[in-house]
Amino acid sequence: MRRLAYTLHFEDPETGRTVVLLKGSTPSKRVQELITNPDVWEETAEVPAAVEEAQIQAPAPVQASGDEPPRSGKGSSKDAWAAFAAKHNVQVNDEDTRDDIIHALAQARVVNE
């Protein structure tokens, strides 16, 4: 089974929406066909469940939501950021760090990096 070796973002040619695919995910067959660079894949013996891509409205300004976890101190844990990402339909993997999650949220234009 192959999965993404890197976090990717690109514009879906059918919908015009920005697609964010996180490192370690296995996107749908349709989305896999859109990825033309063979170097972004890694082979794995495990069979992960297919992960649908997080689709975010194409370019819109980032606006503070008021519920963003703090970047440091109390409440700034990886779990807090993962919950925030899930609330905003940005998928994360167990191996992603807190900084990876914040980066994915920034790529999805949910937060400023």
PDB file of N, CA and C in Angstrom:
ATOM      1  N   MET A   1       0.855  -1.171   0.000  1.00  0.00           N
ATOM      2  CA  MET A   1       0.000   0.000   0.000  1.00  0.00           C
ATOM      3  C   MET A   1       0.896   1.227   0.000  1.00  0.00           C
ATOM      4  N   ARG A   2       0.494   2.256  -0.683  1.00  0.00           N
ATOM      5  CA  ARG A   2       1.293   3.468  -0.668  1.00  0.00           C
ATOM      6  C   ARG A   2       0.542   4.578   0.049  1.00  0.00           C
ATOM      7  N   ARG A   3       1.335   5.459   0.640  1.00  0.00           N
ATOM      8  CA  ARG A   3       0.760   6.612   1.333  1.00  0.00           C
ATOM      9  C   ARG A   3       1.663   7.807   1.066  1.00  0.00           C
ATOM     10  N   LEU A   4       1.178   8.983   1.398  1.00  0.00           N
ATOM     11  CA  LEU A   4       1.934  10.199   1.138  1.00  0.00           C
ATOM     12  C   LEU A   4       3.119  10.328   2.087  1.00  0.00           C
ATOM     13  N   ALA A   5       4.267  10.662   1.533  1.00  0.00           N
ATOM     14  CA  ALA A   5       5.479  10.878   2.319  1.00  0.00           C
ATOM     15  C   ALA A   5       5.578  12.328   2.770  1.00  0.00           C
ATOM     16  N   TYR A   6       4.742  13.201   2.221  1.00  0.00           N
ATOM     17  CA  TYR A   6       4.766  14.631   2.525  1.00  0.00           C
ATOM     18  C   TYR A   6       3.341  15.164   2.613  1.00  0.00           C
ATOM     19  N   THR A   7       3.163  16.303   3.272  1.00  0.00           N
ATOM     20  CA  THR A   7       1.888  17.012   3.245  1.00  0.00           C
ATOM     21  C   THR A   7       1.830  17.792   1.939  1.00  0.00           C
ATOM     22  N   LEU A   8       0.720  17.675   1.222  1.00  0.00           N
ATOM     23  CA  LEU A   8       0.544  18.354  -0.060  1.00  0.00           C
ATOM     24  C   LEU A   8      -0.663  19.273  -0.010  1.00  0.00           C
ATOM     25  N   HIS A   9      -0.629  20.310  -0.816  1.00  0.00           N
ATOM     26  CA  HIS A   9      -1.828  21.124  -1.037  1.00  0.00           C
ATOM     27  C   HIS A   9      -1.831  21.561  -2.494  1.00  0.00           C
ATOM     28  N   PHE A  10      -3.002  21.546  -3.096  1.00  0.00           N
ATOM     29  CA  PHE A  10      -3.145  21.915  -4.498  1.00  0.00           C
ATOM     30  C   PHE A  10      -4.599  22.263  -4.770  1.00  0.00           C
ATOM     31  N   GLU A  11      -4.856  22.849  -5.925  1.00  0.00           N
ATOM     32  CA  GLU A  11      -6.220  23.188  -6.311  1.00  0.00           C
ATOM     33  C   GLU A  11      -6.809  22.036  -7.115  1.00  0.00           C
ATOM     34  N   ASP A  12      -7.972  21.557  -6.686  1.00  0.00           N
ATOM     35  CA  ASP A  12      -8.670  20.486  -7.396  1.00  0.00           C
ATOM     36  C   ASP A  12      -9.200  21.075  -8.707  1.00  0.00           C
ATOM     37  N   PRO A  13      -8.803  20.522  -9.860  1.00  0.00           N
ATOM     38  CA  PRO A  13      -9.241  21.087 -11.132  1.00  0.00           C
ATOM     39  C   PRO A  13     -10.740  20.972 -11.390  1.00  0.00           C
ATOM     40  N   GLU A  14     -11.400  20.022 -10.737  1.00  0.00           N
ATOM     41  CA  GLU A  14     -12.847  19.862 -10.932  1.00  0.00           C
ATOM     42  C   GLU A  14     -13.651  20.846 -10.095  1.00  0.00           C
ATOM     43  N   THR A  15     -13.226  21.068  -8.858  1.00  0.00           N
ATOM     44  CA  THR A  15     -14.017  21.895  -7.943  1.00  0.00           C
ATOM     45  C   THR A  15     -13.451  23.295  -7.750  1.00  0.00           C
ATOM     46  N   GLY A  16     -12.153  23.482  -8.056  1.00  0.00           N
ATOM     47  CA  GLY A  16     -11.516  24.774  -7.826  1.00  0.00           C
ATOM     48  C   GLY A  16     -11.205  25.022  -6.363  1.00  0.00           C
ATOM     49  N   ARG A  17     -11.374  24.015  -5.536  1.00  0.00           N
ATOM     50  CA  ARG A  17     -11.140  24.154  -4.099  1.00  0.00           C
ATOM     51  C   ARG A  17      -9.727  23.702  -3.757  1.00  0.00           C
ATOM     52  N   THR A  18      -9.177  24.283  -2.697  1.00  0.00           N
ATOM     53  CA  THR A  18      -7.870  23.871  -2.222  1.00  0.00           C
ATOM     54  C   THR A  18      -8.005  22.545  -1.490  1.00  0.00           C
ATOM     55  N   VAL A  19      -7.134  21.610  -1.823  1.00  0.00           N
ATOM     56  CA  VAL A  19      -7.121  20.293  -1.201  1.00  0.00           C
ATOM     57  C   VAL A  19      -5.856  20.190  -0.362  1.00  0.00           C
ATOM     58  N   VAL A  20      -5.990  19.766   0.895  1.00  0.00           N
ATOM     59  CA  VAL A  20      -4.857  19.549   1.786  1.00  0.00           C
ATOM     60  C   VAL A  20      -4.802  18.060   2.107  1.00  0.00           C
ATOM     61  N   LEU A  21      -3.675  17.442   1.779  1.00  0.00           N
ATOM     62  CA  LEU A  21      -3.467  16.022   2.042  1.00  0.00           C
ATOM     63  C   LEU A  21      -2.290  15.902   2.995  1.00  0.00           C
ATOM     64  N   LEU A  22      -2.497  15.293   4.135  1.00  0.00           N
ATOM     65  CA  LEU A  22      -1.457  15.227   5.145  1.00  0.00           C
ATOM     66  C   LEU A  22      -0.535  14.029   4.965  1.00  0.00           C
ATOM     67  N   LYS A  23       0.701  14.218   5.380  1.00  0.00           N
ATOM     68  CA  LYS A  23       1.710  13.168   5.353  1.00  0.00           C
ATOM     69  C   LYS A  23       1.144  11.912   6.023  1.00  0.00           C
ATOM     70  N   GLY A  24       1.357  10.766   5.389  1.00  0.00           N
ATOM     71  CA  GLY A  24       0.897   9.501   5.948  1.00  0.00           C
ATOM     72  C   GLY A  24      -0.504   9.105   5.530  1.00  0.00           C
ATOM     73  N   SER A  25      -1.218   9.995   4.853  1.00  0.00           N
ATOM     74  CA  SER A  25      -2.587   9.661   4.454  1.00  0.00           C
ATOM     75  C   SER A  25      -2.601   8.918   3.122  1.00  0.00           C
ATOM     76  N   THR A  26      -3.701   8.240   2.859  1.00  0.00           N
ATOM     77  CA  THR A  26      -3.926   7.546   1.596  1.00  0.00           C
ATOM     78  C   THR A  26      -5.183   8.154   0.979  1.00  0.00           C
ATOM     79  N   PRO A  27      -5.002   9.069   0.029  1.00  0.00           N
ATOM     80  CA  PRO A  27      -6.164   9.732  -0.557  1.00  0.00           C
ATOM     81  C   PRO A  27      -6.984   8.796  -1.445  1.00  0.00           C
ATOM     82  N   SER A  28      -8.167   9.253  -1.810  1.00  0.00           N
ATOM     83  CA  SER A  28      -9.051   8.480  -2.688  1.00  0.00           C
ATOM     84  C   SER A  28      -8.375   8.259  -4.044  1.00  0.00           C
ATOM     85  N   LYS A  29      -8.854   7.273  -4.776  1.00  0.00           N
ATOM     86  CA  LYS A  29      -8.287   6.948  -6.098  1.00  0.00           C
ATOM     87  C   LYS A  29      -8.318   8.164  -7.020  1.00  0.00           C
ATOM     88  N   ARG A  30      -9.435   8.894  -7.030  1.00  0.00           N
ATOM     89  CA  ARG A  30      -9.562  10.075  -7.897  1.00  0.00           C
ATOM     90  C   ARG A  30      -8.474  11.077  -7.589  1.00  0.00           C
ATOM     91  N   VAL A  31      -8.227  11.325  -6.314  1.00  0.00           N
ATOM     92  CA  VAL A  31      -7.215  12.299  -5.923  1.00  0.00           C
ATOM     93  C   VAL A  31      -5.815  11.767  -6.227  1.00  0.00           C
ATOM     94  N   GLN A  32      -5.592  10.470  -6.033  1.00  0.00           N
ATOM     95  CA  GLN A  32      -4.287   9.886  -6.363  1.00  0.00           C
ATOM     96  C   GLN A  32      -3.938  10.112  -7.831  1.00  0.00           C
ATOM     97  N   GLU A  33      -4.928  10.061  -8.693  1.00  0.00           N
ATOM     98  CA  GLU A  33      -4.692  10.263 -10.122  1.00  0.00           C
ATOM     99  C   GLU A  33      -4.284  11.699 -10.438  1.00  0.00           C
ATOM    100  N   LEU A  34      -4.620  12.650  -9.566  1.00  0.00           N
ATOM    101  CA  LEU A  34      -4.241  14.050  -9.767  1.00  0.00           C
ATOM    102  C   LEU A  34      -2.785  14.314  -9.384  1.00  0.00           C
ATOM    103  N   ILE A  35      -2.199  13.419  -8.602  1.00  0.00           N
ATOM    104  CA  ILE A  35      -0.828  13.604  -8.109  1.00  0.00           C
ATOM    105  C   ILE A  35       0.130  12.978  -9.115  1.00  0.00           C
ATOM    106  N   THR A  36       0.909  13.817  -9.787  1.00  0.00           N
ATOM    107  CA  THR A  36       1.768  13.339 -10.876  1.00  0.00           C
ATOM    108  C   THR A  36       3.218  13.114 -10.458  1.00  0.00           C
ATOM    109  N   ASN A  37       3.620  13.564  -9.289  1.00  0.00           N
ATOM    110  CA  ASN A  37       5.000  13.411  -8.840  1.00  0.00           C
ATOM    111  C   ASN A  37       5.149  12.091  -8.087  1.00  0.00           C
ATOM    112  N   PRO A  38       5.878  11.117  -8.638  1.00  0.00           N
ATOM    113  CA  PRO A  38       6.012   9.822  -7.966  1.00  0.00           C
ATOM    114  C   PRO A  38       6.830   9.890  -6.679  1.00  0.00           C
ATOM    115  N   ASP A  39       7.598  10.951  -6.487  1.00  0.00           N
ATOM    116  CA  ASP A  39       8.455  11.065  -5.301  1.00  0.00           C
ATOM    117  C   ASP A  39       7.696  11.410  -4.021  1.00  0.00           C
ATOM    118  N   VAL A  40       6.399  11.716  -4.123  1.00  0.00           N
ATOM    119  CA  VAL A  40       5.639  12.065  -2.917  1.00  0.00           C
ATOM    120  C   VAL A  40       5.075  10.837  -2.206  1.00  0.00           C
ATOM    121  N   TRP A  41       5.270   9.655  -2.796  1.00  0.00           N
ATOM    122  CA  TRP A  41       4.703   8.433  -2.233  1.00  0.00           C
ATOM    123  C   TRP A  41       5.747   7.624  -1.488  1.00  0.00           C
ATOM    124  N   GLU A  42       5.295   6.880  -0.467  1.00  0.00           N
ATOM    125  CA  GLU A  42       6.125   5.896   0.210  1.00  0.00           C
ATOM    126  C   GLU A  42       5.314   4.616   0.312  1.00  0.00           C
ATOM    127  N   GLU A  43       6.004   3.502   0.185  1.00  0.00           N
ATOM    128  CA  GLU A  43       5.349   2.198   0.282  1.00  0.00           C
ATOM    129  C   GLU A  43       5.312   1.771   1.747  1.00  0.00           C
ATOM    130  N   THR A  44       4.234   1.114   2.136  1.00  0.00           N
ATOM    131  CA  THR A  44       4.092   0.643   3.501  1.00  0.00           C
ATOM    132  C   THR A  44       3.468  -0.750   3.486  1.00  0.00           C
ATOM    133  N   ALA A  45       3.856  -1.548   4.441  1.00  0.00           N
ATOM    134  CA  ALA A  45       3.297  -2.899   4.538  1.00  0.00           C
ATOM    135  C   ALA A  45       1.904  -2.878   5.151  1.00  0.00           C
ATOM    136  N   GLU A  46       1.641  -1.880   5.986  1.00  0.00           N
ATOM    137  CA  GLU A  46       0.328  -1.802   6.628  1.00  0.00           C
ATOM    138  C   GLU A  46      -0.702  -1.297   5.631  1.00  0.00           C
ATOM    139  N   VAL A  47      -1.949  -1.573   5.891  1.00  0.00           N
ATOM    140  CA  VAL A  47      -3.033  -1.159   5.011  1.00  0.00           C
ATOM    141  C   VAL A  47      -3.894  -0.147   5.758  1.00  0.00           C
ATOM    142  N   PRO A  48      -3.577   1.148   5.590  1.00  0.00           N
ATOM    143  CA  PRO A  48      -4.370   2.164   6.284  1.00  0.00           C
ATOM    144  C   PRO A  48      -5.731   2.351   5.614  1.00  0.00           C
ATOM    145  N   ALA A  49      -6.683   2.783   6.379  1.00  0.00           N
ATOM    146  CA  ALA A  49      -7.999   3.103   5.816  1.00  0.00           C
ATOM    147  C   ALA A  49      -7.843   4.301   4.893  1.00  0.00           C
ATOM    148  N   ALA A  50      -8.573   4.307   3.800  1.00  0.00           N
ATOM    149  CA  ALA A  50      -8.497   5.430   2.873  1.00  0.00           C
ATOM    150  C   ALA A  50      -8.944   6.700   3.584  1.00  0.00           C
ATOM    151  N   VAL A  51      -8.213   7.754   3.365  1.00  0.00           N
ATOM    152  CA  VAL A  51      -8.509   9.029   4.001  1.00  0.00           C
ATOM    153  C   VAL A  51      -8.986   9.996   2.930  1.00  0.00           C
ATOM    154  N   GLU A  52     -10.125  10.555   3.141  1.00  0.00           N
ATOM    155  CA  GLU A  52     -10.623  11.553   2.208  1.00  0.00           C
ATOM    156  C   GLU A  52      -9.874  12.854   2.429  1.00  0.00           C
ATOM    157  N   GLU A  53      -9.677  13.590   1.374  1.00  0.00           N
ATOM    158  CA  GLU A  53      -8.960  14.847   1.458  1.00  0.00           C
ATOM    159  C   GLU A  53      -9.792  15.909   2.178  1.00  0.00           C
ATOM    160  N   ALA A  54      -9.096  16.787   2.885  1.00  0.00           N
ATOM    161  CA  ALA A  54      -9.768  17.906   3.538  1.00  0.00           C
ATOM    162  C   ALA A  54      -9.905  19.006   2.498  1.00  0.00           C
ATOM    163  N   GLN A  55     -11.123  19.366   2.169  1.00  0.00           N
ATOM    164  CA  GLN A  55     -11.325  20.401   1.172  1.00  0.00           C
ATOM    165  C   GLN A  55     -11.763  21.680   1.866  1.00  0.00           C
ATOM    166  N   ILE A  56     -11.071  22.718   1.519  1.00  0.00           N
ATOM    167  CA  ILE A  56     -11.302  24.021   2.124  1.00  0.00           C
ATOM    168  C   ILE A  56     -11.666  24.996   1.007  1.00  0.00           C
ATOM    169  N   GLN A  57     -12.575  25.923   1.275  1.00  0.00           N
ATOM    170  CA  GLN A  57     -12.931  26.924   0.287  1.00  0.00           C
ATOM    171  C   GLN A  57     -11.664  27.579  -0.242  1.00  0.00           C
ATOM    172  N   ALA A  58     -11.549  27.699  -1.546  1.00  0.00           N
ATOM    173  CA  ALA A  58     -10.376  28.315  -2.165  1.00  0.00           C
ATOM    174  C   ALA A  58     -10.280  29.771  -1.754  1.00  0.00           C
ATOM    175  N   PRO A  59      -9.111  30.325  -1.940  1.00  0.00           N
ATOM    176  CA  PRO A  59      -8.630  31.528  -1.295  1.00  0.00           C
ATOM    177  C   PRO A  59      -9.677  32.427  -0.643  1.00  0.00           C
ATOM    178  N   ALA A  60      -9.613  32.404   0.639  1.00  0.00           N
ATOM    179  CA  ALA A  60     -10.405  33.295   1.477  1.00  0.00           C
ATOM    180  C   ALA A  60      -9.457  33.770   2.559  1.00  0.00           C
ATOM    181  N   PRO A  61      -9.585  35.007   2.987  1.00  0.00           N
ATOM    182  CA  PRO A  61      -8.669  35.478   4.016  1.00  0.00           C
ATOM    183  C   PRO A  61      -8.837  34.690   5.309  1.00  0.00           C
ATOM    184  N   VAL A  62      -7.716  34.492   5.996  1.00  0.00           N
ATOM    185  CA  VAL A  62      -7.753  33.820   7.289  1.00  0.00           C
ATOM    186  C   VAL A  62      -8.347  34.791   8.299  1.00  0.00           C
ATOM    187  N   GLN A  63      -9.365  34.335   9.011  1.00  0.00           N
ATOM    188  CA  GLN A  63      -9.975  35.166  10.039  1.00  0.00           C
ATOM    189  C   GLN A  63      -9.933  34.417  11.359  1.00  0.00           C
ATOM    190  N   ALA A  64      -9.575  35.115  12.396  1.00  0.00           N
ATOM    191  CA  ALA A  64      -9.498  34.489  13.716  1.00  0.00           C
ATOM    192  C   ALA A  64     -10.865  33.945  14.100  1.00  0.00           C
ATOM    193  N   SER A  65     -10.880  32.696  14.546  1.00  0.00           N
ATOM    194  CA  SER A  65     -12.150  32.067  14.893  1.00  0.00           C
ATOM    195  C   SER A  65     -12.500  32.251  16.365  1.00  0.00           C
ATOM    196  N   GLY A  66     -11.522  32.665  17.165  1.00  0.00           N
ATOM    197  CA  GLY A  66     -11.778  32.863  18.576  1.00  0.00           C
ATOM    198  C   GLY A  66     -11.645  31.600  19.399  1.00  0.00           C
ATOM    199  N   ASP A  67     -11.627  30.429  18.752  1.00  0.00           N
ATOM    200  CA  ASP A  67     -11.503  29.178  19.494  1.00  0.00           C
ATOM    201  C   ASP A  67     -10.177  28.478  19.218  1.00  0.00           C
ATOM    202  N   GLU A  68      -9.240  29.194  18.592  1.00  0.00           N
ATOM    203  CA  GLU A  68      -7.924  28.629  18.300  1.00  0.00           C
ATOM    204  C   GLU A  68      -7.164  28.365  19.590  1.00  0.00           C
ATOM    205  N   PRO A  69      -6.570  27.165  19.738  1.00  0.00           N
ATOM    206  CA  PRO A  69      -5.787  26.882  20.949  1.00  0.00           C
ATOM    207  C   PRO A  69      -4.574  27.820  21.038  1.00  0.00           C
ATOM    208  N   PRO A  70      -4.060  28.020  22.232  1.00  0.00           N
ATOM    209  CA  PRO A  70      -2.857  28.857  22.352  1.00  0.00           C
ATOM    210  C   PRO A  70      -1.670  28.153  21.710  1.00  0.00           C
ATOM    211  N   ARG A  71      -0.677  28.932  21.273  1.00  0.00           N
ATOM    212  CA  ARG A  71       0.523  28.374  20.634  1.00  0.00           C
ATOM    213  C   ARG A  71       1.532  27.863  21.662  1.00  0.00           C
ATOM    214  N   SER A  72       1.426  28.318  22.899  1.00  0.00           N
ATOM    215  CA  SER A  72       2.326  27.836  23.948  1.00  0.00           C
ATOM    216  C   SER A  72       1.598  27.876  25.286  1.00  0.00           C
ATOM    217  N   GLY A  73       2.149  27.149  26.258  1.00  0.00           N
ATOM    218  CA  GLY A  73       1.557  27.136  27.595  1.00  0.00           C
ATOM    219  C   GLY A  73       0.363  26.209  27.701  1.00  0.00           C
ATOM    220  N   LYS A  74      -0.426  26.434  28.745  1.00  0.00           N
ATOM    221  CA  LYS A  74      -1.591  25.602  29.030  1.00  0.00           C
ATOM    222  C   LYS A  74      -2.572  25.614  27.851  1.00  0.00           C
ATOM    223  N   GLY A  75      -3.022  24.423  27.455  1.00  0.00           N
ATOM    224  CA  GLY A  75      -4.002  24.308  26.379  1.00  0.00           C
ATOM    225  C   GLY A  75      -3.400  24.262  24.988  1.00  0.00           C
ATOM    226  N   SER A  76      -2.069  24.209  24.882  1.00  0.00           N
ATOM    227  CA  SER A  76      -1.425  24.241  23.569  1.00  0.00           C
ATOM    228  C   SER A  76      -0.951  22.861  23.112  1.00  0.00           C
ATOM    229  N   SER A  77      -1.501  21.803  23.678  1.00  0.00           N
ATOM    230  CA  SER A  77      -1.040  20.445  23.395  1.00  0.00           C
ATOM    231  C   SER A  77      -1.376  20.008  21.965  1.00  0.00           C
ATOM    232  N   LYS A  78      -0.705  18.953  21.554  1.00  0.00           N
ATOM    233  CA  LYS A  78      -0.984  18.342  20.255  1.00  0.00           C
ATOM    234  C   LYS A  78      -2.453  17.931  20.177  1.00  0.00           C
ATOM    235  N   ASP A  79      -2.984  17.359  21.282  1.00  0.00           N
ATOM    236  CA  ASP A  79      -4.385  16.927  21.300  1.00  0.00           C
ATOM    237  C   ASP A  79      -5.340  18.103  21.099  1.00  0.00           C
ATOM    238  N   ALA A  80      -5.020  19.242  21.707  1.00  0.00           N
ATOM    239  CA  ALA A  80      -5.874  20.428  21.548  1.00  0.00           C
ATOM    240  C   ALA A  80      -5.879  20.888  20.093  1.00  0.00           C
ATOM    241  N   TRP A  81      -4.702  20.876  19.480  1.00  0.00           N
ATOM    242  CA  TRP A  81      -4.610  21.295  18.080  1.00  0.00           C
ATOM    243  C   TRP A  81      -5.263  20.270  17.153  1.00  0.00           C
ATOM    244  N   ALA A  82      -5.150  18.981  17.466  1.00  0.00           N
ATOM    245  CA  ALA A  82      -5.790  17.948  16.651  1.00  0.00           C
ATOM    246  C   ALA A  82      -7.317  18.095  16.712  1.00  0.00           C
ATOM    247  N   ALA A  83      -7.846  18.383  17.893  1.00  0.00           N
ATOM    248  CA  ALA A  83      -9.293  18.588  18.045  1.00  0.00           C
ATOM    249  C   ALA A  83      -9.740  19.818  17.244  1.00  0.00           C
ATOM    250  N   PHE A  84      -8.929  20.876  17.294  1.00  0.00           N
ATOM    251  CA  PHE A  84      -9.233  22.096  16.543  1.00  0.00           C
ATOM    252  C   PHE A  84      -9.226  21.803  15.037  1.00  0.00           C
ATOM    253  N   ALA A  85      -8.234  21.006  14.584  1.00  0.00           N
ATOM    254  CA  ALA A  85      -8.156  20.643  13.168  1.00  0.00           C
ATOM    255  C   ALA A  85      -9.394  19.846  12.753  1.00  0.00           C
ATOM    256  N   ALA A  86      -9.793  18.896  13.582  1.00  0.00           N
ATOM    257  CA  ALA A  86     -10.971  18.081  13.273  1.00  0.00           C
ATOM    258  C   ALA A  86     -12.216  18.963  13.170  1.00  0.00           C
ATOM    259  N   LYS A  87     -12.330  19.932  14.051  1.00  0.00           N
ATOM    260  CA  LYS A  87     -13.480  20.848  14.039  1.00  0.00           C
ATOM    261  C   LYS A  87     -13.548  21.634  12.726  1.00  0.00           C
ATOM    262  N   HIS A  88     -12.364  21.858  12.123  1.00  0.00           N
ATOM    263  CA  HIS A  88     -12.295  22.625  10.878  1.00  0.00           C
ATOM    264  C   HIS A  88     -12.064  21.730   9.658  1.00  0.00           C
ATOM    265  N   ASN A  89     -12.343  20.424   9.822  1.00  0.00           N
ATOM    266  CA  ASN A  89     -12.267  19.452   8.727  1.00  0.00           C
ATOM    267  C   ASN A  89     -10.890  19.359   8.084  1.00  0.00           C
ATOM    268  N   VAL A  90      -9.844  19.509   8.900  1.00  0.00           N
ATOM    269  CA  VAL A  90      -8.473  19.300   8.445  1.00  0.00           C
ATOM    270  C   VAL A  90      -8.000  18.018   9.108  1.00  0.00           C
ATOM    271  N   GLN A  91      -7.707  17.009   8.300  1.00  0.00           N
ATOM    272  CA  GLN A  91      -7.351  15.699   8.838  1.00  0.00           C
ATOM    273  C   GLN A  91      -5.889  15.667   9.247  1.00  0.00           C
ATOM    274  N   VAL A  92      -5.639  14.991  10.374  1.00  0.00           N
ATOM    275  CA  VAL A  92      -4.275  14.820  10.870  1.00  0.00           C
ATOM    276  C   VAL A  92      -4.051  13.350  11.184  1.00  0.00           C
ATOM    277  N   ASN A  93      -2.786  12.973  11.268  1.00  0.00           N
ATOM    278  CA  ASN A  93      -2.402  11.596  11.569  1.00  0.00           C
ATOM    279  C   ASN A  93      -1.770  11.539  12.949  1.00  0.00           C
ATOM    280  N   ASP A  94      -1.757  10.357  13.536  1.00  0.00           N
ATOM    281  CA  ASP A  94      -1.168  10.181  14.860  1.00  0.00           C
ATOM    282  C   ASP A  94       0.295  10.594  14.904  1.00  0.00           C
ATOM    283  N   GLU A  95       1.022  10.379  13.805  1.00  0.00           N
ATOM    284  CA  GLU A  95       2.448  10.711  13.819  1.00  0.00           C
ATOM    285  C   GLU A  95       2.727  12.196  13.577  1.00  0.00           C
ATOM    286  N   ASP A  96       1.721  12.991  13.241  1.00  0.00           N
ATOM    287  CA  ASP A  96       1.927  14.430  13.066  1.00  0.00           C
ATOM    288  C   ASP A  96       2.230  15.082  14.406  1.00  0.00           C
ATOM    289  N   THR A  97       3.180  16.002  14.397  1.00  0.00           N
ATOM    290  CA  THR A  97       3.483  16.768  15.603  1.00  0.00           C
ATOM    291  C   THR A  97       2.512  17.941  15.711  1.00  0.00           C
ATOM    292  N   ARG A  98       2.541  18.622  16.833  1.00  0.00           N
ATOM    293  CA  ARG A  98       1.705  19.807  17.009  1.00  0.00           C
ATOM    294  C   ARG A  98       2.025  20.829  15.919  1.00  0.00           C
ATOM    295  N   ASP A  99       3.323  21.009  15.630  1.00  0.00           N
ATOM    296  CA  ASP A  99       3.720  21.965  14.592  1.00  0.00           C
ATOM    297  C   ASP A  99       3.248  21.525  13.207  1.00  0.00           C
ATOM    298  N   ASP A 100       3.246  20.204  12.934  1.00  0.00           N
ATOM    299  CA  ASP A 100       2.713  19.697  11.660  1.00  0.00           C
ATOM    300  C   ASP A 100       1.235  20.049  11.530  1.00  0.00           C
ATOM    301  N   ILE A 101       0.503  19.903  12.622  1.00  0.00           N
ATOM    302  CA  ILE A 101      -0.934  20.193  12.614  1.00  0.00           C
ATOM    303  C   ILE A 101      -1.169  21.683  12.369  1.00  0.00           C
ATOM    304  N   ILE A 102      -0.406  22.537  13.045  1.00  0.00           N
ATOM    305  CA  ILE A 102      -0.545  23.977  12.847  1.00  0.00           C
ATOM    306  C   ILE A 102      -0.214  24.335  11.400  1.00  0.00           C
ATOM    307  N   HIS A 103       0.826  23.702  10.847  1.00  0.00           N
ATOM    308  CA  HIS A 103       1.198  23.962   9.452  1.00  0.00           C
ATOM    309  C   HIS A 103       0.065  23.547   8.499  1.00  0.00           C
ATOM    310  N   ALA A 104      -0.531  22.379   8.738  1.00  0.00           N
ATOM    311  CA  ALA A 104      -1.644  21.926   7.896  1.00  0.00           C
ATOM    312  C   ALA A 104      -2.830  22.887   8.002  1.00  0.00           C
ATOM    313  N   LEU A 105      -3.094  23.391   9.196  1.00  0.00           N
ATOM    314  CA  LEU A 105      -4.169  24.363   9.378  1.00  0.00           C
ATOM    315  C   LEU A 105      -3.864  25.664   8.641  1.00  0.00           C
ATOM    316  N   ALA A 106      -2.597  26.069   8.644  1.00  0.00           N
ATOM    317  CA  ALA A 106      -2.210  27.273   7.912  1.00  0.00           C
ATOM    318  C   ALA A 106      -2.357  27.059   6.415  1.00  0.00           C
ATOM    319  N   GLN A 107      -1.961  25.876   5.921  1.00  0.00           N
ATOM    320  CA  GLN A 107      -2.094  25.572   4.497  1.00  0.00           C
ATOM    321  C   GLN A 107      -3.564  25.562   4.075  1.00  0.00           C
ATOM    322  N   ALA A 108      -4.427  25.156   5.005  1.00  0.00           N
ATOM    323  CA  ALA A 108      -5.870  25.126   4.740  1.00  0.00           C
ATOM    324  C   ALA A 108      -6.514  26.498   4.980  1.00  0.00           C
ATOM    325  N   ARG A 109      -5.691  27.462   5.337  1.00  0.00           N
ATOM    326  CA  ARG A 109      -6.129  28.844   5.567  1.00  0.00           C
ATOM    327  C   ARG A 109      -7.110  28.950   6.732  1.00  0.00           C
ATOM    328  N   VAL A 110      -6.904  28.105   7.754  1.00  0.00           N
ATOM    329  CA  VAL A 110      -7.722  28.173   8.967  1.00  0.00           C
ATOM    330  C   VAL A 110      -7.052  29.076   9.985  1.00  0.00           C
ATOM    331  N   VAL A 111      -5.715  29.046  10.039  1.00  0.00           N
ATOM    332  CA  VAL A 111      -4.939  29.884  10.953  1.00  0.00           C
ATOM    333  C   VAL A 111      -3.774  30.510  10.196  1.00  0.00           C
ATOM    334  N   ASN A 112      -3.176  31.535  10.780  1.00  0.00           N
ATOM    335  CA  ASN A 112      -1.935  32.086  10.270  1.00  0.00           C
ATOM    336  C   ASN A 112      -0.792  31.316  10.892  1.00  0.00           C
ATOM    337  N   GLU A 113       0.247  31.052  10.108  1.00  0.00           N
ATOM    338  CA  GLU A 113       1.370  30.263  10.632  1.00  0.00           C
ATOM    339  C   GLU A 113       2.323  31.123  11.436  1.00  0.00           C
TER     340      GLU A 113
END
